[in-house]
Amino acid sequence: MSTNVKSMNGDQLRDAIRQAEQDVAVYERLKAAKNRLAELQIEQQARAAAAAQAGAAAAEAAIAQWEVRSIGLTHGGREQGSKVTAAHRVTAWNRRDSREVIQPLDNCDRSLEQAILRAPEKLPAYILALADTPQAAFERWCLARRRGFLSTDASAIKVL
């Protein structure tokens, strides 16, 4: 305020003091804002890192529960007509539940897929031959399976 202080009456002076006190409080808050911002950003980064670490630990625990024993092509009986069906099955030991699990290779959850990729020697050679890395080969095989490029008819399947 650029008004002459000496010409103010009592009410104007009290109002000017109150306004100046508010301005000083805002100024002090703004001065401290830079440090507060840095403190809040550090806390946010620490929480994000802790959440990422907890997520990674949970994912690792989910993967570690599986021991992949074998992956193979199994021929089923006759189903729906005269076709003989065949499917890739993964046999794995679930350490958490202490039981053996047999399920279709193309119907695995993410943790079992990761466990399979940690034991790439269990994947059939004709799947591994699809790409340079086991992960890329398995992803390519799953994609081809989902798109229907791989037959389940036993007469059409040729195992190398």
N, C-alpha and C. Protein backbone atom coordinates (compact mmCIF):
# COMPACT_ATOMS: atom_id res chain seq x y z
N MET A 1 0.85 -1.16 0.00
CA MET A 1 0.00 0.00 0.00
C MET A 1 0.89 1.23 0.00
N SER A 2 0.62 2.13 -0.87
CA SER A 2 1.48 3.31 -0.98
C SER A 2 0.87 4.54 -0.30
N THR A 3 -0.14 4.35 0.50
CA THR A 3 -0.77 5.48 1.20
C THR A 3 0.12 5.94 2.33
N ASN A 4 0.11 7.22 2.59
CA ASN A 4 0.91 7.79 3.67
C ASN A 4 0.35 7.28 5.00
N VAL A 5 1.20 6.65 5.79
CA VAL A 5 0.80 6.06 7.06
C VAL A 5 0.33 7.14 8.03
N LYS A 6 0.94 8.28 8.00
CA LYS A 6 0.61 9.36 8.95
C LYS A 6 -0.79 9.91 8.72
N SER A 7 -1.32 9.77 7.50
CA SER A 7 -2.64 10.32 7.22
C SER A 7 -3.77 9.32 7.47
N MET A 8 -3.45 8.08 7.92
CA MET A 8 -4.47 7.06 8.17
C MET A 8 -5.13 7.29 9.52
N ASN A 9 -6.44 6.98 9.57
CA ASN A 9 -7.10 7.00 10.87
C ASN A 9 -6.86 5.65 11.54
N GLY A 10 -7.38 5.43 12.72
CA GLY A 10 -7.13 4.22 13.50
C GLY A 10 -7.61 2.95 12.81
N ASP A 11 -8.81 2.98 12.23
CA ASP A 11 -9.35 1.80 11.54
C ASP A 11 -8.52 1.45 10.31
N GLN A 12 -8.14 2.47 9.56
CA GLN A 12 -7.32 2.23 8.38
C GLN A 12 -5.97 1.65 8.76
N LEU A 13 -5.41 2.13 9.86
CA LEU A 13 -4.11 1.63 10.33
C LEU A 13 -4.22 0.16 10.75
N ARG A 14 -5.29 -0.18 11.50
CA ARG A 14 -5.48 -1.58 11.91
C ARG A 14 -5.66 -2.48 10.69
N ASP A 15 -6.44 -2.03 9.70
CA ASP A 15 -6.65 -2.81 8.47
C ASP A 15 -5.34 -2.99 7.71
N ALA A 16 -4.55 -1.94 7.65
CA ALA A 16 -3.26 -2.01 6.96
C ALA A 16 -2.31 -2.98 7.67
N ILE A 17 -2.32 -2.96 9.00
CA ILE A 17 -1.46 -3.89 9.77
C ILE A 17 -1.91 -5.33 9.53
N ARG A 18 -3.23 -5.56 9.59
CA ARG A 18 -3.76 -6.91 9.36
C ARG A 18 -3.38 -7.40 7.96
N GLN A 19 -3.51 -6.55 6.95
CA GLN A 19 -3.16 -6.91 5.58
C GLN A 19 -1.65 -7.18 5.46
N ALA A 20 -0.84 -6.37 6.11
CA ALA A 20 0.62 -6.57 6.07
C ALA A 20 0.99 -7.89 6.75
N GLU A 21 0.32 -8.22 7.86
CA GLU A 21 0.58 -9.49 8.53
C GLU A 21 0.23 -10.67 7.63
N GLN A 22 -0.90 -10.56 6.92
CA GLN A 22 -1.29 -11.62 5.98
C GLN A 22 -0.28 -11.74 4.85
N ASP A 23 0.18 -10.60 4.35
CA ASP A 23 1.18 -10.61 3.28
C ASP A 23 2.49 -11.26 3.75
N VAL A 24 2.90 -10.95 4.97
CA VAL A 24 4.12 -11.55 5.53
C VAL A 24 3.94 -13.06 5.68
N ALA A 25 2.76 -13.50 6.13
CA ALA A 25 2.50 -14.93 6.27
C ALA A 25 2.57 -15.64 4.92
N VAL A 26 1.98 -15.02 3.89
CA VAL A 26 2.06 -15.60 2.54
C VAL A 26 3.50 -15.64 2.06
N TYR A 27 4.24 -14.56 2.30
CA TYR A 27 5.65 -14.49 1.89
C TYR A 27 6.46 -15.60 2.57
N GLU A 28 6.25 -15.79 3.86
CA GLU A 28 6.99 -16.84 4.59
C GLU A 28 6.61 -18.23 4.07
N ARG A 29 5.31 -18.42 3.78
CA ARG A 29 4.87 -19.71 3.25
C ARG A 29 5.50 -19.96 1.87
N LEU A 30 5.57 -18.94 1.05
CA LEU A 30 6.17 -19.08 -0.27
C LEU A 30 7.67 -19.33 -0.19
N LYS A 31 8.33 -18.69 0.78
CA LYS A 31 9.77 -18.94 0.96
C LYS A 31 10.02 -20.39 1.35
N ALA A 32 9.14 -20.93 2.19
CA ALA A 32 9.30 -22.31 2.66
C ALA A 32 8.80 -23.33 1.63
N ALA A 33 8.07 -22.87 0.62
CA ALA A 33 7.46 -23.77 -0.35
C ALA A 33 8.49 -24.57 -1.14
N LYS A 34 9.62 -23.97 -1.46
CA LYS A 34 10.65 -24.67 -2.23
C LYS A 34 11.18 -25.87 -1.45
N ASN A 35 11.49 -25.65 -0.18
CA ASN A 35 11.98 -26.75 0.66
C ASN A 35 10.89 -27.80 0.87
N ARG A 36 9.66 -27.35 1.08
CA ARG A 36 8.53 -28.27 1.28
C ARG A 36 8.30 -29.11 0.04
N LEU A 37 8.40 -28.49 -1.13
CA LEU A 37 8.23 -29.21 -2.39
C LEU A 37 9.30 -30.29 -2.53
N ALA A 38 10.54 -29.96 -2.25
CA ALA A 38 11.62 -30.94 -2.33
C ALA A 38 11.37 -32.10 -1.36
N GLU A 39 10.93 -31.78 -0.16
CA GLU A 39 10.65 -32.81 0.85
C GLU A 39 9.51 -33.73 0.39
N LEU A 40 8.45 -33.14 -0.17
CA LEU A 40 7.31 -33.93 -0.65
C LEU A 40 7.70 -34.81 -1.84
N GLN A 41 8.52 -34.28 -2.74
CA GLN A 41 8.96 -35.07 -3.89
C GLN A 41 9.82 -36.25 -3.46
N ILE A 42 10.69 -36.05 -2.48
CA ILE A 42 11.52 -37.14 -1.96
C ILE A 42 10.63 -38.22 -1.35
N GLU A 43 9.63 -37.80 -0.59
CA GLU A 43 8.71 -38.77 0.02
C GLU A 43 7.93 -39.54 -1.04
N GLN A 44 7.49 -38.84 -2.08
CA GLN A 44 6.75 -39.50 -3.15
C GLN A 44 7.63 -40.52 -3.87
N GLN A 45 8.88 -40.17 -4.14
CA GLN A 45 9.80 -41.10 -4.80
C GLN A 45 10.08 -42.31 -3.92
N ALA A 46 10.22 -42.09 -2.62
CA ALA A 46 10.47 -43.20 -1.70
C ALA A 46 9.27 -44.14 -1.66
N ARG A 47 8.07 -43.59 -1.65
CA ARG A 47 6.87 -44.44 -1.64
C ARG A 47 6.73 -45.20 -2.95
N ALA A 48 7.03 -44.55 -4.07
CA ALA A 48 6.95 -45.22 -5.37
C ALA A 48 7.96 -46.35 -5.45
N ALA A 49 9.17 -46.11 -4.94
CA ALA A 49 10.20 -47.15 -4.94
C ALA A 49 9.79 -48.31 -4.04
N ALA A 50 9.21 -48.01 -2.88
CA ALA A 50 8.75 -49.06 -1.97
C ALA A 50 7.63 -49.88 -2.60
N ALA A 51 6.71 -49.21 -3.29
CA ALA A 51 5.61 -49.92 -3.96
C ALA A 51 6.14 -50.80 -5.09
N ALA A 52 7.10 -50.29 -5.85
CA ALA A 52 7.69 -51.08 -6.93
C ALA A 52 8.43 -52.29 -6.37
N GLN A 53 9.15 -52.09 -5.27
CA GLN A 53 9.87 -53.19 -4.64
C GLN A 53 8.90 -54.23 -4.09
N ALA A 54 7.81 -53.78 -3.49
CA ALA A 54 6.81 -54.72 -2.97
C ALA A 54 6.15 -55.49 -4.11
N GLY A 55 5.88 -54.80 -5.22
CA GLY A 55 5.30 -55.47 -6.39
C GLY A 55 6.25 -56.49 -6.98
N ALA A 56 7.52 -56.14 -7.05
CA ALA A 56 8.52 -57.07 -7.58
C ALA A 56 8.67 -58.28 -6.66
N ALA A 57 8.63 -58.05 -5.35
CA ALA A 57 8.74 -59.16 -4.40
C ALA A 57 7.53 -60.08 -4.51
N ALA A 58 6.34 -59.50 -4.68
CA ALA A 58 5.13 -60.32 -4.83
C ALA A 58 5.18 -61.13 -6.13
N ALA A 59 5.65 -60.50 -7.21
CA ALA A 59 5.77 -61.21 -8.49
C ALA A 59 6.80 -62.33 -8.39
N GLU A 60 7.91 -62.06 -7.72
CA GLU A 60 8.94 -63.08 -7.55
C GLU A 60 8.42 -64.25 -6.72
N ALA A 61 7.64 -63.95 -5.68
CA ALA A 61 7.06 -65.02 -4.85
C ALA A 61 6.08 -65.86 -5.66
N ALA A 62 5.30 -65.21 -6.53
CA ALA A 62 4.35 -65.94 -7.37
C ALA A 62 5.08 -66.84 -8.37
N ILE A 63 6.20 -66.37 -8.90
CA ILE A 63 6.99 -67.17 -9.84
C ILE A 63 7.69 -68.31 -9.11
N ALA A 64 8.22 -68.03 -7.93
CA ALA A 64 8.98 -69.03 -7.18
C ALA A 64 8.13 -70.20 -6.70
N GLN A 65 6.81 -70.04 -6.68
CA GLN A 65 5.97 -71.14 -6.22
C GLN A 65 5.91 -72.29 -7.23
N TRP A 66 6.34 -72.04 -8.46
CA TRP A 66 6.25 -73.05 -9.52
C TRP A 66 7.59 -73.71 -9.79
N GLU A 67 7.57 -75.00 -9.95
CA GLU A 67 8.71 -75.77 -10.45
C GLU A 67 8.23 -76.49 -11.70
N VAL A 68 8.70 -76.05 -12.86
CA VAL A 68 8.26 -76.64 -14.12
C VAL A 68 8.95 -77.99 -14.28
N ARG A 69 8.15 -79.03 -14.43
CA ARG A 69 8.72 -80.38 -14.56
C ARG A 69 8.83 -80.82 -16.01
N SER A 70 7.81 -80.56 -16.80
CA SER A 70 7.89 -80.96 -18.21
C SER A 70 6.85 -80.19 -19.02
N ILE A 71 7.14 -80.11 -20.31
CA ILE A 71 6.21 -79.54 -21.27
C ILE A 71 6.20 -80.50 -22.44
N GLY A 72 5.03 -80.94 -22.81
CA GLY A 72 4.98 -81.89 -23.90
C GLY A 72 3.67 -81.85 -24.66
N LEU A 73 3.67 -82.54 -25.77
CA LEU A 73 2.50 -82.64 -26.62
C LEU A 73 1.76 -83.90 -26.21
N THR A 74 0.52 -83.76 -25.80
CA THR A 74 -0.28 -84.92 -25.40
C THR A 74 -1.41 -85.09 -26.39
N HIS A 75 -1.68 -86.33 -26.71
CA HIS A 75 -2.78 -86.64 -27.62
C HIS A 75 -3.96 -87.09 -26.79
N GLY A 76 -5.06 -86.37 -26.94
CA GLY A 76 -6.27 -86.72 -26.21
C GLY A 76 -7.04 -87.78 -26.97
N GLY A 77 -8.14 -88.18 -26.39
CA GLY A 77 -9.01 -89.14 -27.06
C GLY A 77 -9.82 -88.47 -28.14
N ARG A 78 -10.72 -89.21 -28.68
CA ARG A 78 -11.59 -88.64 -29.72
C ARG A 78 -12.62 -87.74 -29.05
N GLU A 79 -12.71 -86.54 -29.57
CA GLU A 79 -13.66 -85.58 -29.03
C GLU A 79 -14.48 -84.98 -30.15
N GLN A 80 -15.76 -84.87 -29.96
CA GLN A 80 -16.66 -84.22 -30.89
C GLN A 80 -16.45 -84.70 -32.32
N GLY A 81 -16.85 -85.89 -32.55
CA GLY A 81 -16.73 -86.41 -33.90
C GLY A 81 -15.54 -87.35 -34.01
N SER A 82 -14.93 -87.34 -35.16
CA SER A 82 -13.86 -88.30 -35.41
C SER A 82 -12.46 -87.70 -35.28
N LYS A 83 -12.36 -86.44 -34.90
CA LYS A 83 -11.04 -85.82 -34.79
C LYS A 83 -10.34 -86.25 -33.52
N VAL A 84 -9.06 -86.50 -33.65
CA VAL A 84 -8.22 -86.77 -32.49
C VAL A 84 -7.54 -85.46 -32.15
N THR A 85 -7.63 -85.05 -30.90
CA THR A 85 -7.05 -83.76 -30.54
C THR A 85 -5.72 -83.94 -29.83
N ALA A 86 -4.91 -82.93 -29.94
CA ALA A 86 -3.61 -82.93 -29.27
C ALA A 86 -3.40 -81.53 -28.70
N ALA A 87 -2.70 -81.48 -27.59
CA ALA A 87 -2.45 -80.18 -26.97
C ALA A 87 -1.13 -80.20 -26.23
N HIS A 88 -0.51 -79.04 -26.16
CA HIS A 88 0.69 -78.90 -25.34
C HIS A 88 0.26 -78.74 -23.90
N ARG A 89 0.86 -79.50 -23.04
CA ARG A 89 0.53 -79.43 -21.61
C ARG A 89 1.81 -79.18 -20.83
N VAL A 90 1.67 -78.38 -19.80
CA VAL A 90 2.79 -78.12 -18.90
C VAL A 90 2.47 -78.83 -17.59
N THR A 91 3.46 -79.54 -17.09
CA THR A 91 3.35 -80.19 -15.79
C THR A 91 4.26 -79.43 -14.84
N ALA A 92 3.67 -78.92 -13.78
CA ALA A 92 4.44 -78.11 -12.83
C ALA A 92 4.06 -78.49 -11.41
N TRP A 93 5.00 -78.31 -10.51
CA TRP A 93 4.76 -78.54 -9.09
C TRP A 93 4.52 -77.20 -8.44
N ASN A 94 3.38 -77.10 -7.76
CA ASN A 94 3.04 -75.88 -7.03
C ASN A 94 3.57 -76.04 -5.61
N ARG A 95 4.64 -75.34 -5.30
CA ARG A 95 5.28 -75.48 -3.99
C ARG A 95 4.39 -74.95 -2.86
N ARG A 96 3.61 -73.93 -3.15
CA ARG A 96 2.76 -73.34 -2.10
C ARG A 96 1.66 -74.31 -1.68
N ASP A 97 1.01 -74.97 -2.67
CA ASP A 97 -0.08 -75.89 -2.37
C ASP A 97 0.38 -77.34 -2.28
N SER A 98 1.65 -77.60 -2.57
CA SER A 98 2.22 -78.96 -2.55
C SER A 98 1.39 -79.92 -3.40
N ARG A 99 1.21 -79.54 -4.66
CA ARG A 99 0.48 -80.42 -5.57
C ARG A 99 0.98 -80.22 -7.00
N GLU A 100 0.77 -81.25 -7.79
CA GLU A 100 1.16 -81.18 -9.19
C GLU A 100 0.01 -80.61 -10.00
N VAL A 101 0.34 -79.74 -10.93
CA VAL A 101 -0.66 -79.09 -11.77
C VAL A 101 -0.33 -79.40 -13.22
N ILE A 102 -1.33 -79.86 -13.95
CA ILE A 102 -1.17 -80.10 -15.39
C ILE A 102 -2.21 -79.24 -16.09
N GLN A 103 -1.73 -78.38 -16.97
CA GLN A 103 -2.67 -77.50 -17.67
C GLN A 103 -2.15 -77.18 -19.06
N PRO A 104 -3.04 -76.70 -19.94
CA PRO A 104 -2.60 -76.35 -21.29
C PRO A 104 -1.53 -75.26 -21.27
N LEU A 105 -0.56 -75.42 -22.13
CA LEU A 105 0.55 -74.46 -22.20
C LEU A 105 0.06 -73.07 -22.60
N ASP A 106 -0.96 -73.03 -23.45
CA ASP A 106 -1.45 -71.72 -23.90
C ASP A 106 -2.47 -71.10 -22.95
N ASN A 107 -2.64 -71.70 -21.77
CA ASN A 107 -3.60 -71.18 -20.79
C ASN A 107 -2.93 -70.99 -19.43
N CYS A 108 -1.68 -70.58 -19.43
CA CYS A 108 -0.93 -70.39 -18.19
C CYS A 108 -1.11 -68.97 -17.69
N ASP A 109 -1.08 -68.81 -16.37
CA ASP A 109 -1.10 -67.46 -15.83
C ASP A 109 0.30 -66.86 -15.95
N ARG A 110 0.42 -65.59 -15.66
CA ARG A 110 1.69 -64.87 -15.87
C ARG A 110 2.83 -65.44 -15.04
N SER A 111 2.54 -65.85 -13.80
CA SER A 111 3.62 -66.36 -12.95
C SER A 111 4.14 -67.70 -13.48
N LEU A 112 3.25 -68.56 -13.97
CA LEU A 112 3.69 -69.84 -14.52
C LEU A 112 4.45 -69.62 -15.83
N GLU A 113 4.01 -68.67 -16.64
CA GLU A 113 4.76 -68.34 -17.86
C GLU A 113 6.18 -67.92 -17.53
N GLN A 114 6.34 -67.07 -16.52
CA GLN A 114 7.68 -66.63 -16.13
C GLN A 114 8.50 -67.80 -15.59
N ALA A 115 7.86 -68.71 -14.86
CA ALA A 115 8.58 -69.89 -14.36
C ALA A 115 9.03 -70.76 -15.53
N ILE A 116 8.20 -70.87 -16.56
CA ILE A 116 8.57 -71.64 -17.76
C ILE A 116 9.78 -70.99 -18.43
N LEU A 117 9.77 -69.66 -18.52
CA LEU A 117 10.88 -68.96 -19.17
C LEU A 117 12.16 -69.03 -18.36
N ARG A 118 12.06 -69.31 -17.08
CA ARG A 118 13.27 -69.50 -16.27
C ARG A 118 13.85 -70.90 -16.45
N ALA A 119 13.09 -71.77 -17.06
CA ALA A 119 13.58 -73.12 -17.37
C ALA A 119 13.37 -73.37 -18.86
N PRO A 120 14.06 -72.61 -19.73
CA PRO A 120 13.79 -72.71 -21.16
C PRO A 120 14.12 -74.08 -21.75
N GLU A 121 14.96 -74.84 -21.06
CA GLU A 121 15.29 -76.18 -21.56
C GLU A 121 14.08 -77.11 -21.55
N LYS A 122 13.04 -76.75 -20.82
CA LYS A 122 11.82 -77.56 -20.78
C LYS A 122 10.94 -77.32 -22.00
N LEU A 123 11.11 -76.18 -22.68
CA LEU A 123 10.31 -75.90 -23.87
C LEU A 123 10.75 -76.81 -25.01
N PRO A 124 9.81 -77.32 -25.80
CA PRO A 124 10.17 -78.16 -26.95
C PRO A 124 11.05 -77.38 -27.93
N ALA A 125 11.92 -78.10 -28.60
CA ALA A 125 12.87 -77.47 -29.53
C ALA A 125 12.16 -76.73 -30.66
N TYR A 126 11.03 -77.27 -31.12
CA TYR A 126 10.33 -76.61 -32.22
C TYR A 126 9.69 -75.29 -31.79
N ILE A 127 9.45 -75.09 -30.50
CA ILE A 127 9.00 -73.78 -30.02
C ILE A 127 10.20 -72.85 -29.90
N LEU A 128 11.30 -73.35 -29.35
CA LEU A 128 12.51 -72.53 -29.20
C LEU A 128 13.06 -72.08 -30.55
N ALA A 129 12.81 -72.85 -31.60
CA ALA A 129 13.33 -72.51 -32.92
C ALA A 129 12.58 -71.33 -33.56
N LEU A 130 11.51 -70.88 -32.94
CA LEU A 130 10.72 -69.79 -33.52
C LEU A 130 11.38 -68.42 -33.41
N ALA A 131 12.33 -68.26 -32.48
CA ALA A 131 12.99 -66.96 -32.30
C ALA A 131 14.34 -67.16 -31.64
N ASP A 132 15.08 -66.07 -31.51
CA ASP A 132 16.43 -66.13 -30.94
C ASP A 132 16.44 -66.36 -29.44
N THR A 133 15.47 -65.81 -28.73
CA THR A 133 15.44 -65.96 -27.28
C THR A 133 14.24 -66.82 -26.88
N PRO A 134 14.34 -67.54 -25.77
CA PRO A 134 13.21 -68.36 -25.32
C PRO A 134 11.94 -67.53 -25.10
N GLN A 135 12.10 -66.33 -24.55
CA GLN A 135 10.93 -65.49 -24.29
C GLN A 135 10.24 -65.10 -25.60
N ALA A 136 11.02 -64.67 -26.57
CA ALA A 136 10.44 -64.28 -27.86
C ALA A 136 9.81 -65.48 -28.56
N ALA A 137 10.46 -66.64 -28.47
CA ALA A 137 9.92 -67.85 -29.09
C ALA A 137 8.60 -68.25 -28.45
N PHE A 138 8.54 -68.21 -27.13
CA PHE A 138 7.32 -68.58 -26.42
C PHE A 138 6.20 -67.59 -26.73
N GLU A 139 6.52 -66.30 -26.75
CA GLU A 139 5.51 -65.30 -27.09
C GLU A 139 5.00 -65.49 -28.52
N ARG A 140 5.91 -65.81 -29.44
CA ARG A 140 5.51 -66.02 -30.83
C ARG A 140 4.62 -67.25 -30.95
N TRP A 141 4.96 -68.31 -30.22
CA TRP A 141 4.14 -69.53 -30.24
C TRP A 141 2.74 -69.24 -29.67
N CYS A 142 2.68 -68.52 -28.54
CA CYS A 142 1.38 -68.19 -27.93
C CYS A 142 0.53 -67.34 -28.87
N LEU A 143 1.16 -66.39 -29.53
CA LEU A 143 0.45 -65.53 -30.47
C LEU A 143 -0.10 -66.35 -31.64
N ALA A 144 0.71 -67.24 -32.19
CA ALA A 144 0.26 -68.09 -33.29
C ALA A 144 -0.88 -69.00 -32.83
N ARG A 145 -0.79 -69.49 -31.63
CA ARG A 145 -1.84 -70.35 -31.07
C ARG A 145 -3.15 -69.57 -30.91
N ARG A 146 -3.07 -68.36 -30.37
CA ARG A 146 -4.28 -67.54 -30.19
C ARG A 146 -4.93 -67.19 -31.53
N ARG A 147 -4.10 -66.96 -32.52
CA ARG A 147 -4.63 -66.56 -33.84
C ARG A 147 -5.11 -67.76 -34.65
N GLY A 148 -4.91 -68.97 -34.14
CA GLY A 148 -5.42 -70.15 -34.82
C GLY A 148 -4.51 -70.71 -35.89
N PHE A 149 -3.24 -70.31 -35.89
CA PHE A 149 -2.31 -70.82 -36.89
C PHE A 149 -1.79 -72.21 -36.55
N LEU A 150 -2.00 -72.65 -35.33
CA LEU A 150 -1.53 -73.97 -34.91
C LEU A 150 -2.73 -74.89 -34.77
N SER A 151 -2.65 -76.05 -35.37
CA SER A 151 -3.77 -76.98 -35.36
C SER A 151 -3.75 -77.83 -34.10
N THR A 152 -4.94 -78.24 -33.68
CA THR A 152 -5.03 -79.20 -32.56
C THR A 152 -5.40 -80.58 -33.09
N ASP A 153 -5.51 -80.72 -34.38
CA ASP A 153 -5.80 -82.00 -35.00
C ASP A 153 -4.52 -82.81 -35.05
N ALA A 154 -4.51 -83.99 -34.45
CA ALA A 154 -3.29 -84.80 -34.33
C ALA A 154 -2.72 -85.17 -35.69
N SER A 155 -3.58 -85.35 -36.69
CA SER A 155 -3.07 -85.73 -38.00
C SER A 155 -2.31 -84.58 -38.66
N ALA A 156 -2.56 -83.36 -38.22
CA ALA A 156 -1.90 -82.20 -38.83
C ALA A 156 -0.66 -81.78 -38.06
N ILE A 157 -0.42 -82.38 -36.91
CA ILE A 157 0.71 -81.98 -36.08
C ILE A 157 1.91 -82.85 -36.40
N LYS A 158 3.00 -82.18 -36.68
CA LYS A 158 4.24 -82.89 -36.94
C LYS A 158 5.24 -82.44 -35.89
N VAL A 159 5.68 -83.36 -35.08
CA VAL A 159 6.65 -83.04 -34.04
C VAL A 159 8.03 -83.31 -34.59
N LEU A 160 8.89 -82.31 -34.51
CA LEU A 160 10.26 -82.45 -35.03
C LEU A 160 11.11 -83.26 -34.10
